[in-house]
PDB file of all heavy atoms in Angstrom:
ATOM      1  N   GLU A   1     -61.961 -98.017  95.951  1.00  0.00           N
ATOM      2  CA  GLU A   1     -63.260 -97.973  96.779  1.00  0.00           C
ATOM      3  C   GLU A   1     -64.058 -99.095  96.401  1.00  0.00           C
ATOM      4  O   GLU A   1     -64.667 -99.757  97.198  1.00  0.00           O
ATOM      5  CB  GLU A   1     -63.906 -96.665  96.594  1.00  0.00           C
ATOM      6  CG  GLU A   1     -63.136 -95.354  97.067  1.00  0.00           C
ATOM      7  CD  GLU A   1     -63.721 -94.162  96.642  1.00  0.00           C
ATOM      8  OE1 GLU A   1     -64.818 -94.146  95.933  1.00  0.00           O
ATOM      9  OE2 GLU A   1     -63.373 -93.091  97.109  1.00  0.00           O
ATOM     10  N   MET A   2     -64.218 -99.449  95.030  1.00  0.00           N
ATOM     11  CA  MET A   2     -65.024-100.612  94.688  1.00  0.00           C
ATOM     12  C   MET A   2     -64.488-101.862  95.237  1.00  0.00           C
ATOM     13  O   MET A   2     -65.177-102.758  95.701  1.00  0.00           O
ATOM     14  CB  MET A   2     -65.027-100.675  93.159  1.00  0.00           C
ATOM     15  CG  MET A   2     -65.811 -99.586  92.495  1.00  0.00           C
ATOM     16  SD  MET A   2     -65.665 -99.624  90.646  1.00  0.00           S
ATOM     17  CE  MET A   2     -66.546-101.191  90.416  1.00  0.00           C
ATOM     18  N   LEU A   3     -63.173-102.037  95.207  1.00  0.00           N
ATOM     19  CA  LEU A   3     -62.536-103.251  95.900  1.00  0.00           C
ATOM     20  C   LEU A   3     -62.938-103.362  97.381  1.00  0.00           C
ATOM     21  O   LEU A   3     -63.269-104.396  97.800  1.00  0.00           O
ATOM     22  CB  LEU A   3     -61.016-103.294  95.662  1.00  0.00           C
ATOM     23  CG  LEU A   3     -60.302-104.415  96.283  1.00  0.00           C
ATOM     24  CD1 LEU A   3     -60.636-105.653  95.674  1.00  0.00           C
ATOM     25  CD2 LEU A   3     -58.774-104.145  96.182  1.00  0.00           C
ATOM     26  N   GLU A   4     -62.759-102.226  98.054  1.00  0.00           N
ATOM     27  CA  GLU A   4     -63.128-102.255  99.498  1.00  0.00           C
ATOM     28  C   GLU A   4     -64.611-102.566  99.701  1.00  0.00           C
ATOM     29  O   GLU A   4     -65.002-103.411 100.565  1.00  0.00           O
ATOM     30  CB  GLU A   4     -62.890-100.913 100.080  1.00  0.00           C
ATOM     31  CG  GLU A   4     -61.229-100.538 100.184  1.00  0.00           C
ATOM     32  CD  GLU A   4     -60.971 -99.123 100.462  1.00  0.00           C
ATOM     33  OE1 GLU A   4     -62.071 -98.412 100.661  1.00  0.00           O
ATOM     34  OE2 GLU A   4     -59.846 -98.757 100.523  1.00  0.00           O
ATOM     35  N   ASP A   5     -65.458-101.948  98.799  1.00  0.00           N
ATOM     36  CA  ASP A   5     -66.894-102.215  99.015  1.00  0.00           C
ATOM     37  C   ASP A   5     -67.342-103.658  98.688  1.00  0.00           C
ATOM     38  O   ASP A   5     -68.130-104.262  99.255  1.00  0.00           O
ATOM     39  CB  ASP A   5     -67.684-101.304  98.083  1.00  0.00           C
ATOM     40  CG  ASP A   5     -67.715 -99.910  98.529  1.00  0.00           C
ATOM     41  OD1 ASP A   5     -67.253 -99.667  99.674  1.00  0.00           O
ATOM     42  OD2 ASP A   5     -67.817 -98.975  97.639  1.00  0.00           O
ATOM     43  N   GLU A   6     -66.509-104.276  97.664  1.00  0.00           N
ATOM     44  CA  GLU A   6     -66.775-105.697  97.340  1.00  0.00           C
ATOM     45  C   GLU A   6     -66.270-106.693  98.333  1.00  0.00           C
ATOM     46  O   GLU A   6     -66.910-107.723  98.646  1.00  0.00           O
ATOM     47  CB  GLU A   6     -66.103-105.874  95.970  1.00  0.00           C
ATOM     48  CG  GLU A   6     -66.829-105.260  94.830  1.00  0.00           C
ATOM     49  CD  GLU A   6     -66.153-105.398  93.541  1.00  0.00           C
ATOM     50  OE1 GLU A   6     -65.054-106.093  93.606  1.00  0.00           O
ATOM     51  OE2 GLU A   6     -66.511-104.950  92.401  1.00  0.00           O
ATOM     52  N   MET A   7     -65.106-106.437  98.997  1.00  0.00           N
ATOM     53  CA  MET A   7     -64.482-107.296  99.860  1.00  0.00           C
ATOM     54  C   MET A   7     -65.036-107.297 101.238  1.00  0.00           C
ATOM     55  O   MET A   7     -65.169-108.345 101.946  1.00  0.00           O
ATOM     56  CB  MET A   7     -62.902-107.139  99.943  1.00  0.00           C
ATOM     57  CG  MET A   7     -62.257-107.285  98.615  1.00  0.00           C
ATOM     58  SD  MET A   7     -62.458-108.843  97.891  1.00  0.00           S
ATOM     59  CE  MET A   7     -61.732-109.896  99.092  1.00  0.00           C
ATOM     60  N   LEU A   8     -65.537-106.116 101.733  1.00  0.00           N
ATOM     61  CA  LEU A   8     -65.986-106.123 103.113  1.00  0.00           C
ATOM     62  C   LEU A   8     -67.198-107.036 103.271  1.00  0.00           C
ATOM     63  O   LEU A   8     -67.337-107.646 104.303  1.00  0.00           O
ATOM     64  CB  LEU A   8     -66.327-104.652 103.472  1.00  0.00           C
ATOM     65  CG  LEU A   8     -65.087-103.789 103.835  1.00  0.00           C
ATOM     66  CD1 LEU A   8     -65.493-102.382 104.105  1.00  0.00           C
ATOM     67  CD2 LEU A   8     -64.261-104.425 105.005  1.00  0.00           C
ATOM     68  N   PRO A   9     -68.167-106.917 102.408  1.00  0.00           N
ATOM     69  CA  PRO A   9     -69.373-107.857 102.601  1.00  0.00           C
ATOM     70  C   PRO A   9     -69.015-109.375 102.626  1.00  0.00           C
ATOM     71  O   PRO A   9     -69.505-110.157 103.350  1.00  0.00           O
ATOM     72  CB  PRO A   9     -70.279-107.587 101.365  1.00  0.00           C
ATOM     73  CG  PRO A   9     -69.953-106.166 100.987  1.00  0.00           C
ATOM     74  CD  PRO A   9     -68.394-106.130 101.329  1.00  0.00           C
ATOM     75  N   GLU A  10     -67.999-109.755 101.791  1.00  0.00           N
ATOM     76  CA  GLU A  10     -67.564-111.115 101.785  1.00  0.00           C
ATOM     77  C   GLU A  10     -67.011-111.453 103.157  1.00  0.00           C
ATOM     78  O   GLU A  10     -67.165-112.504 103.719  1.00  0.00           O
ATOM     79  CB  GLU A  10     -66.492-111.288 100.728  1.00  0.00           C
ATOM     80  CG  GLU A  10     -66.990-111.247  99.206  1.00  0.00           C
ATOM     81  CD  GLU A  10     -65.983-111.529  98.241  1.00  0.00           C
ATOM     82  OE1 GLU A  10     -64.939-111.974  98.637  1.00  0.00           O
ATOM     83  OE2 GLU A  10     -66.273-111.354  97.088  1.00  0.00           O
ATOM     84  N   LEU A  11     -66.109-110.529 103.800  1.00  0.00           N
ATOM     85  CA  LEU A  11     -65.545-110.855 105.024  1.00  0.00           C
ATOM     86  C   LEU A  11     -66.650-110.879 106.145  1.00  0.00           C
ATOM     87  O   LEU A  11     -66.524-111.785 107.018  1.00  0.00           O
ATOM     88  CB  LEU A  11     -64.573-109.708 105.360  1.00  0.00           C
ATOM     89  CG  LEU A  11     -63.309-109.732 104.564  1.00  0.00           C
ATOM     90  CD1 LEU A  11     -62.485-108.445 104.952  1.00  0.00           C
ATOM     91  CD2 LEU A  11     -62.484-110.978 104.855  1.00  0.00           C
ATOM     92  N   LYS A  12     -67.663-110.114 106.005  1.00  0.00           N
ATOM     93  CA  LYS A  12     -68.700-110.210 107.041  1.00  0.00           C
ATOM     94  C   LYS A  12     -69.434-111.412 106.901  1.00  0.00           C
ATOM     95  O   LYS A  12     -69.759-112.062 107.974  1.00  0.00           O
ATOM     96  CB  LYS A  12     -69.696-109.034 106.783  1.00  0.00           C
ATOM     97  CG  LYS A  12     -69.058-107.603 107.113  1.00  0.00           C
ATOM     98  CD  LYS A  12     -70.076-106.516 106.840  1.00  0.00           C
ATOM     99  CE  LYS A  12     -69.500-105.120 107.136  1.00  0.00           C
ATOM    100  NZ  LYS A  12     -70.385-104.033 106.844  1.00  0.00           N
ATOM    101  N   GLU A  13     -69.625-112.032 105.731  1.00  0.00           N
ATOM    102  CA  GLU A  13     -70.355-113.269 105.547  1.00  0.00           C
ATOM    103  C   GLU A  13     -69.498-114.413 106.111  1.00  0.00           C
ATOM    104  O   GLU A  13     -70.039-115.356 106.748  1.00  0.00           O
ATOM    105  CB  GLU A  13     -70.631-113.581 103.942  1.00  0.00           C
ATOM    106  CG  GLU A  13     -71.598-112.635 103.454  1.00  0.00           C
ATOM    107  CD  GLU A  13     -71.815-112.823 101.926  1.00  0.00           C
ATOM    108  OE1 GLU A  13     -71.145-113.805 101.476  1.00  0.00           O
ATOM    109  OE2 GLU A  13     -72.560-112.123 101.399  1.00  0.00           O
ATOM    110  N   GLU A  14     -68.064-114.322 105.961  1.00  0.00           N
ATOM    111  CA  GLU A  14     -67.170-115.345 106.541  1.00  0.00           C
ATOM    112  C   GLU A  14     -67.288-115.229 108.051  1.00  0.00           C
ATOM    113  O   GLU A  14     -67.282-116.360 108.597  1.00  0.00           O
ATOM    114  CB  GLU A  14     -65.785-115.047 106.059  1.00  0.00           C
ATOM    115  CG  GLU A  14     -65.608-115.322 104.554  1.00  0.00           C
ATOM    116  CD  GLU A  14     -64.196-115.140 104.034  1.00  0.00           C
ATOM    117  OE1 GLU A  14     -63.289-114.825 105.034  1.00  0.00           O
ATOM    118  OE2 GLU A  14     -63.858-115.161 102.880  1.00  0.00           O
ATOM    119  N   VAL A  15     -67.337-114.088 108.569  1.00  0.00           N
ATOM    120  CA  VAL A  15     -67.403-114.037 110.049  1.00  0.00           C
ATOM    121  C   VAL A  15     -68.698-114.700 110.534  1.00  0.00           C
ATOM    122  O   VAL A  15     -68.753-115.302 111.517  1.00  0.00           O
ATOM    123  CB  VAL A  15     -67.378-112.515 110.426  1.00  0.00           C
ATOM    124  CG1 VAL A  15     -67.795-112.433 111.882  1.00  0.00           C
ATOM    125  CG2 VAL A  15     -66.091-112.005 110.193  1.00  0.00           C
ATOM    126  N   VAL A  16     -69.781-114.505 109.802  1.00  0.00           N
ATOM    127  CA  VAL A  16     -71.079-115.027 110.249  1.00  0.00           C
ATOM    128  C   VAL A  16     -70.901-116.597 110.301  1.00  0.00           C
ATOM    129  O   VAL A  16     -71.499-117.391 111.106  1.00  0.00           O
ATOM    130  CB  VAL A  16     -72.204-114.550 109.373  1.00  0.00           C
ATOM    131  CG1 VAL A  16     -73.491-115.393 109.663  1.00  0.00           C
ATOM    132  CG2 VAL A  16     -72.415-113.082 109.560  1.00  0.00           C
ATOM    133  N   GLU A  17     -70.387-117.074 109.242  1.00  0.00           N
ATOM    134  CA  GLU A  17     -70.227-118.573 109.115  1.00  0.00           C
ATOM    135  C   GLU A  17     -69.461-119.142 110.150  1.00  0.00           C
ATOM    136  O   GLU A  17     -69.642-120.100 110.688  1.00  0.00           O
ATOM    137  CB  GLU A  17     -69.627-118.875 107.683  1.00  0.00           C
ATOM    138  CG  GLU A  17     -70.413-118.571 106.519  1.00  0.00           C
ATOM    139  CD  GLU A  17     -71.846-119.484 106.503  1.00  0.00           C
ATOM    140  OE1 GLU A  17     -71.746-120.610 106.990  1.00  0.00           O
ATOM    141  OE2 GLU A  17     -72.791-118.874 106.165  1.00  0.00           O
ATOM    142  N   VAL A  18     -68.272-118.339 110.490  1.00  0.00           N
ATOM    143  CA  VAL A  18     -67.564-118.942 111.633  1.00  0.00           C
ATOM    144  C   VAL A  18     -68.214-118.885 112.892  1.00  0.00           C
ATOM    145  O   VAL A  18     -68.173-119.736 113.722  1.00  0.00           O
ATOM    146  CB  VAL A  18     -66.202-117.937 111.722  1.00  0.00           C
ATOM    147  CG1 VAL A  18     -65.358-118.358 112.943  1.00  0.00           C
ATOM    148  CG2 VAL A  18     -65.316-118.101 110.447  1.00  0.00           C
ATOM    149  N   GLU A  19     -69.061-117.746 113.152  1.00  0.00           N
ATOM    150  CA  GLU A  19     -69.829-117.640 114.385  1.00  0.00           C
ATOM    151  C   GLU A  19     -70.724-118.839 114.396  1.00  0.00           C
ATOM    152  O   GLU A  19     -71.042-119.421 115.710  1.00  0.00           O
ATOM    153  CB  GLU A  19     -70.525-116.325 114.497  1.00  0.00           C
ATOM    154  CG  GLU A  19     -69.482-115.211 114.737  1.00  0.00           C
ATOM    155  CD  GLU A  19     -70.242-113.975 114.764  1.00  0.00           C
ATOM    156  OE1 GLU A  19     -71.299-113.845 114.206  1.00  0.00           O
ATOM    157  OE2 GLU A  19     -69.653-113.032 115.323  1.00  0.00           O
ATOM    158  N   LYS A  20     -71.394-119.260 113.342  1.00  0.00           N
ATOM    159  CA  LYS A  20     -72.354-120.230 113.359  1.00  0.00           C
ATOM    160  C   LYS A  20     -71.782-121.644 113.751  1.00  0.00           C
ATOM    161  O   LYS A  20     -72.242-122.496 114.392  1.00  0.00           O
ATOM    162  CB  LYS A  20     -73.143-120.442 112.023  1.00  0.00           C
ATOM    163  CG  LYS A  20     -74.140-119.254 111.763  1.00  0.00           C
ATOM    164  CD  LYS A  20     -74.625-119.445 110.286  1.00  0.00           C
ATOM    165  CE  LYS A  20     -75.691-118.296 110.116  1.00  0.00           C
ATOM    166  NZ  LYS A  20     -76.176-118.458 108.646  1.00  0.00           N
ATOM    167  N   THR A  21     -70.430-121.874 113.172  1.00  0.00           N
ATOM    168  CA  THR A  21     -69.755-123.177 113.346  1.00  0.00           C
ATOM    169  C   THR A  21     -69.217-123.249 114.747  1.00  0.00           C
ATOM    170  O   THR A  21     -69.400-124.289 115.344  1.00  0.00           O
ATOM    171  CB  THR A  21     -68.546-123.200 112.424  1.00  0.00           C
ATOM    172  OG1 THR A  21     -69.062-123.034 111.020  1.00  0.00           O
ATOM    173  CG2 THR A  21     -67.862-124.589 112.412  1.00  0.00           C
ATOM    174  N   PHE A  22     -68.728-122.118 115.319  1.00  0.00           N
ATOM    175  CA  PHE A  22     -68.122-122.152 116.662  1.00  0.00           C
ATOM    176  C   PHE A  22     -68.759-121.081 117.486  1.00  0.00           C
ATOM    177  O   PHE A  22     -67.967-120.092 117.888  1.00  0.00           O
ATOM    178  CB  PHE A  22     -66.601-122.004 116.626  1.00  0.00           C
ATOM    179  CG  PHE A  22     -65.911-122.985 115.765  1.00  0.00           C
ATOM    180  CD1 PHE A  22     -65.465-122.615 114.426  1.00  0.00           C
ATOM    181  CD2 PHE A  22     -65.737-124.285 116.156  1.00  0.00           C
ATOM    182  CE1 PHE A  22     -64.831-123.575 113.660  1.00  0.00           C
ATOM    183  CE2 PHE A  22     -65.170-125.264 115.247  1.00  0.00           C
ATOM    184  CZ  PHE A  22     -64.728-124.928 114.121  1.00  0.00           C
ATOM    185  N   PRO A  23     -69.989-121.127 117.832  1.00  0.00           N
ATOM    186  CA  PRO A  23     -70.589-119.994 118.601  1.00  0.00           C
ATOM    187  C   PRO A  23     -70.103-119.725 119.963  1.00  0.00           C
ATOM    188  O   PRO A  23     -70.038-118.642 120.503  1.00  0.00           O
ATOM    189  CB  PRO A  23     -72.134-120.466 118.726  1.00  0.00           C
ATOM    190  CG  PRO A  23     -72.125-121.935 118.542  1.00  0.00           C
ATOM    191  CD  PRO A  23     -70.919-122.230 117.680  1.00  0.00           C
ATOM    192  N   GLU A  24     -69.532-120.797 120.634  1.00  0.00           N
ATOM    193  CA  GLU A  24     -68.950-120.611 121.998  1.00  0.00           C
ATOM    194  C   GLU A  24     -67.610-120.218 122.035  1.00  0.00           C
ATOM    195  O   GLU A  24     -67.045-119.783 123.055  1.00  0.00           O
ATOM    196  CB  GLU A  24     -69.164-121.928 122.807  1.00  0.00           C
ATOM    197  CG  GLU A  24     -70.616-122.387 122.907  1.00  0.00           C
ATOM    198  CD  GLU A  24     -70.687-123.610 123.732  1.00  0.00           C
ATOM    199  OE1 GLU A  24     -69.710-124.245 124.015  1.00  0.00           O
ATOM    200  OE2 GLU A  24     -71.915-124.041 124.052  1.00  0.00           O
ATOM    201  N   VAL A  25     -66.916-120.315 120.912  1.00  0.00           N
ATOM    202  CA  VAL A  25     -65.433-120.036 120.814  1.00  0.00           C
ATOM    203  C   VAL A  25     -65.072-118.661 120.303  1.00  0.00           C
ATOM    204  O   VAL A  25     -64.199-117.945 120.695  1.00  0.00           O
ATOM    205  CB  VAL A  25     -64.767-121.173 119.980  1.00  0.00           C
ATOM    206  CG1 VAL A  25     -63.210-120.929 119.945  1.00  0.00           C
ATOM    207  CG2 VAL A  25     -65.036-122.592 120.668  1.00  0.00           C
ATOM    208  N   ILE A  26     -65.836-118.335 119.234  1.00  0.00           N
ATOM    209  CA  ILE A  26     -65.515-117.134 118.538  1.00  0.00           C
ATOM    210  C   ILE A  26     -66.202-115.921 119.127  1.00  0.00           C
ATOM    211  O   ILE A  26     -67.401-115.873 119.301  1.00  0.00           O
ATOM    212  CB  ILE A  26     -65.964-117.241 116.999  1.00  0.00           C
ATOM    213  CG1 ILE A  26     -65.568-118.393 116.340  1.00  0.00           C
ATOM    214  CG2 ILE A  26     -65.490-115.929 116.270  1.00  0.00           C
ATOM    215  CD1 ILE A  26     -63.938-118.574 116.374  1.00  0.00           C
ATOM    216  N   GLU A  27     -65.402-114.918 119.570  1.00  0.00           N
ATOM    217  CA  GLU A  27     -65.903-113.699 120.067  1.00  0.00           C
ATOM    218  C   GLU A  27     -66.336-112.789 118.937  1.00  0.00           C
ATOM    219  O   GLU A  27     -65.845-112.928 117.826  1.00  0.00           O
ATOM    220  CB  GLU A  27     -64.814-113.036 121.033  1.00  0.00           C
ATOM    221  CG  GLU A  27     -64.544-113.937 122.247  1.00  0.00           C
ATOM    222  CD  GLU A  27     -63.436-113.181 123.071  1.00  0.00           C
ATOM    223  OE1 GLU A  27     -63.098-112.086 122.630  1.00  0.00           O
ATOM    224  OE2 GLU A  27     -63.204-113.771 124.092  1.00  0.00           O
ATOM    225  N   PRO A  28     -67.045-111.618 119.213  1.00  0.00           N
ATOM    226  CA  PRO A  28     -67.499-110.795 118.175  1.00  0.00           C
ATOM    227  C   PRO A  28     -66.293-110.213 117.380  1.00  0.00           C
ATOM    228  O   PRO A  28     -65.269-109.864 117.955  1.00  0.00           O
ATOM    229  CB  PRO A  28     -68.345-109.611 118.921  1.00  0.00           C
ATOM    230  CG  PRO A  28     -68.690-110.313 120.075  1.00  0.00           C
ATOM    231  CD  PRO A  28     -67.585-111.299 120.504  1.00  0.00           C
ATOM    232  N   ILE A  29     -66.511-110.008 116.032  1.00  0.00           N
ATOM    233  CA  ILE A  29     -65.406-109.567 115.142  1.00  0.00           C
ATOM    234  C   ILE A  29     -65.627-108.084 114.987  1.00  0.00           C
ATOM    235  O   ILE A  29     -66.650-107.518 114.733  1.00  0.00           O
ATOM    236  CB  ILE A  29     -65.505-110.237 113.871  1.00  0.00           C
ATOM    237  CG1 ILE A  29     -65.085-111.686 114.019  1.00  0.00           C
ATOM    238  CG2 ILE A  29     -64.617-109.585 112.816  1.00  0.00           C
ATOM    239  CD1 ILE A  29     -65.131-112.556 112.702  1.00  0.00           C
ATOM    240  N   ASP A  30     -64.459-107.392 115.112  1.00  0.00           N
ATOM    241  CA  ASP A  30     -64.440-105.846 114.999  1.00  0.00           C
ATOM    242  C   ASP A  30     -63.946-105.579 113.501  1.00  0.00           C
ATOM    243  O   ASP A  30     -62.711-105.786 113.351  1.00  0.00           O
ATOM    244  CB  ASP A  30     -63.664-105.345 116.018  1.00  0.00           C
ATOM    245  CG  ASP A  30     -63.493-103.872 115.909  1.00  0.00           C
ATOM    246  OD1 ASP A  30     -64.381-103.191 115.274  1.00  0.00           O
ATOM    247  OD2 ASP A  30     -62.567-103.124 116.397  1.00  0.00           O
ATOM    248  N   ILE A  31     -64.869-105.171 112.640  1.00  0.00           N
ATOM    249  CA  ILE A  31     -64.427-104.860 111.213  1.00  0.00           C
ATOM    250  C   ILE A  31     -64.018-103.458 111.260  1.00  0.00           C
ATOM    251  O   ILE A  31     -64.845-102.505 111.396  1.00  0.00           O
ATOM    252  CB  ILE A  31     -65.536-105.174 110.255  1.00  0.00           C
ATOM    253  CG1 ILE A  31     -65.837-106.705 110.275  1.00  0.00           C
ATOM    254  CG2 ILE A  31     -65.173-104.706 108.916  1.00  0.00           C
ATOM    255  CD1 ILE A  31     -66.967-107.049 109.277  1.00  0.00           C
ATOM    256  N   VAL A  32     -62.753-103.107 111.085  1.00  0.00           N
ATOM    257  CA  VAL A  32     -62.264-101.729 111.132  1.00  0.00           C
ATOM    258  C   VAL A  32     -62.123-101.233 109.711  1.00  0.00           C
ATOM    259  O   VAL A  32     -61.347-101.668 108.880  1.00  0.00           O
ATOM    260  CB  VAL A  32     -60.927-101.646 111.767  1.00  0.00           C
ATOM    261  CG1 VAL A  32     -60.450-100.254 111.947  1.00  0.00           C
ATOM    262  CG2 VAL A  32     -60.962-102.308 113.193  1.00  0.00           C
ATOM    263  N   ASP A  33     -63.054-100.246 109.202  1.00  0.00           N
ATOM    264  CA  ASP A  33     -63.070 -99.714 107.929  1.00  0.00           C
ATOM    265  C   ASP A  33     -61.707 -99.060 107.477  1.00  0.00           C
ATOM    266  O   ASP A  33     -61.315 -99.140 106.410  1.00  0.00           O
ATOM    267  CB  ASP A  33     -64.248 -98.753 107.723  1.00  0.00           C
ATOM    268  CG  ASP A  33     -65.588 -99.583 107.833  1.00  0.00           C
ATOM    269  OD1 ASP A  33     -65.506-100.795 107.562  1.00  0.00           O
ATOM    270  OD2 ASP A  33     -66.631 -98.964 108.056  1.00  0.00           O
ATOM    271  N   SER A  34     -61.152 -98.340 108.390  1.00  0.00           N
ATOM    272  CA  SER A  34     -60.114 -97.479 108.145  1.00  0.00           C
ATOM    273  C   SER A  34     -58.906 -98.371 107.842  1.00  0.00           C
ATOM    274  O   SER A  34     -57.988 -97.976 106.997  1.00  0.00           O
ATOM    275  CB  SER A  34     -59.646 -96.453 109.269  1.00  0.00           C
ATOM    276  OG  SER A  34     -59.500 -97.204 110.485  1.00  0.00           O
ATOM    277  N   ALA A  35     -58.736 -99.502 108.549  1.00  0.00           N
ATOM    278  CA  ALA A  35     -57.521-100.352 108.277  1.00  0.00           C
ATOM    279  C   ALA A  35     -57.859-101.397 107.303  1.00  0.00           C
ATOM    280  O   ALA A  35     -57.102-102.186 106.803  1.00  0.00           O
ATOM    281  CB  ALA A  35     -57.190-101.024 109.655  1.00  0.00           C
TER     282      ALA A  35
END
């Protein structure tokens, strides 16, 4: 559970950086907790 809690925020930050870099190309990211 700690690993999941630690990794998910990092992934969300990466998604934000990608959206800033390519705002017209990258569509919204669906973060699925269960998977």
